[in-house]
Amino acid sequence: MQGNKLYVGNFSYSVTDEQLEELFSAHGKVESAKVIGDKGFGFVEMSSTEEAEAAKEALNETEFDGRTLRVDEARPQKPRTDRRY
């Protein structure tokens, strides 16, 4: 793993930032946890690459709130293009 930011997907739409932070805090210090709207995914930033790797290994494909989580290293955001013509 290269970074300390994780993509977390396939969780219930009712999950909050606080629940996500609590879940990941068992595996290290959580710098930030953000659920993206009512989309069923979000991002968690751990304080180190090692903690991020440990959290990924521990939580990927585990059940949380009735759904099987998908945890992976977050990819860099692609630059947006202005589509208003």
Protein backbone atom coordinates (compact mmCIF):
# COMPACT_ATOMS: atom_id res chain seq x y z
CA MET A 1 0.00 0.00 0.00
CA GLN A 2 1.21 3.49 -0.84
CA GLY A 3 -1.00 5.76 1.26
CA ASN A 4 -3.10 5.94 4.37
CA LYS A 5 -6.49 6.72 2.80
CA LEU A 6 -8.98 3.89 2.32
CA TYR A 7 -12.08 3.51 0.18
CA VAL A 8 -14.87 1.76 2.08
CA GLY A 9 -17.83 0.50 0.08
CA ASN A 10 -21.00 -1.54 0.27
CA PHE A 11 -22.22 -0.38 3.65
CA SER A 12 -25.77 0.48 4.62
CA TYR A 13 -27.02 3.92 3.56
CA SER A 14 -27.81 4.65 7.22
CA VAL A 15 -24.14 4.43 8.35
CA THR A 16 -22.77 7.71 9.75
CA ASP A 17 -19.28 9.24 9.80
CA GLU A 18 -19.11 8.46 13.52
CA GLN A 19 -19.96 4.76 13.04
CA LEU A 20 -17.32 4.46 10.32
CA GLU A 21 -14.73 6.15 12.54
CA GLU A 22 -15.60 3.87 15.46
CA LEU A 23 -15.30 0.74 13.30
CA PHE A 24 -11.85 1.69 11.99
CA SER A 25 -10.50 3.08 15.27
CA ALA A 26 -10.08 -0.49 16.55
CA HIS A 27 -7.21 -0.76 14.02
CA GLY A 28 -5.38 2.53 14.64
CA LYS A 29 -5.82 6.27 14.83
CA VAL A 30 -8.46 7.58 12.44
CA GLU A 31 -7.60 11.02 11.05
CA SER A 32 -10.94 11.36 9.24
CA ALA A 33 -13.98 9.31 8.28
CA LYS A 34 -16.44 10.59 5.68
CA VAL A 35 -19.58 8.92 4.35
CA ILE A 36 -20.41 10.21 0.86
CA GLY A 37 -24.11 11.16 0.91
CA ASP A 38 -26.57 8.27 0.80
CA LYS A 39 -24.37 6.29 -1.58
CA GLY A 40 -23.18 3.41 0.62
CA PHE A 41 -19.51 4.31 0.40
CA GLY A 42 -16.99 6.62 1.97
CA PHE A 43 -13.36 7.23 2.84
CA VAL A 44 -11.32 6.71 5.98
CA GLU A 45 -7.90 8.26 6.50
CA MET A 46 -5.68 6.53 9.04
CA SER A 47 -2.67 8.15 10.71
CA SER A 48 -0.16 5.85 8.98
CA THR A 49 0.18 3.52 6.03
CA GLU A 50 0.74 0.60 8.42
CA GLU A 51 -2.52 1.28 10.25
CA ALA A 52 -4.37 1.64 6.95
CA GLU A 53 -3.00 -1.72 5.78
CA ALA A 54 -3.97 -3.36 9.09
CA ALA A 55 -7.50 -1.94 8.90
CA LYS A 56 -7.86 -3.07 5.28
CA GLU A 57 -6.71 -6.59 6.10
CA ALA A 58 -8.96 -6.81 9.16
CA LEU A 59 -12.15 -5.30 7.70
CA ASN A 60 -12.24 -6.14 3.98
CA GLU A 61 -15.04 -8.63 3.25
CA THR A 62 -16.36 -8.55 6.82
CA GLU A 63 -19.98 -7.94 7.73
CA PHE A 64 -21.01 -4.55 9.11
CA ASP A 65 -24.63 -3.53 9.68
CA GLY A 66 -25.85 -6.48 7.60
CA ARG A 67 -23.64 -5.82 4.56
CA THR A 68 -20.24 -7.16 3.45
CA LEU A 69 -17.72 -4.33 3.41
CA ARG A 70 -15.28 -3.69 0.60
CA VAL A 71 -12.13 -1.95 1.83
CA ASP A 72 -9.33 -0.94 -0.51
CA GLU A 73 -6.70 1.73 -0.90
CA ALA A 74 -8.29 4.94 -2.16
CA ARG A 75 -7.23 5.96 -5.64
CA PRO A 76 -6.27 9.59 -6.31
CA GLN A 77 -9.20 11.70 -7.46
CA LYS A 78 -9.20 12.27 -11.20
CA PRO A 79 -9.24 15.88 -12.36
CA ARG A 80 -12.70 17.03 -13.28
CA THR A 81 -13.39 18.42 -16.70
CA ASP A 82 -15.84 21.22 -17.25
CA ARG A 83 -18.69 19.63 -19.17
CA ARG A 84 -20.77 22.79 -19.48
CA TYR A 85 -20.61 23.81 -23.14
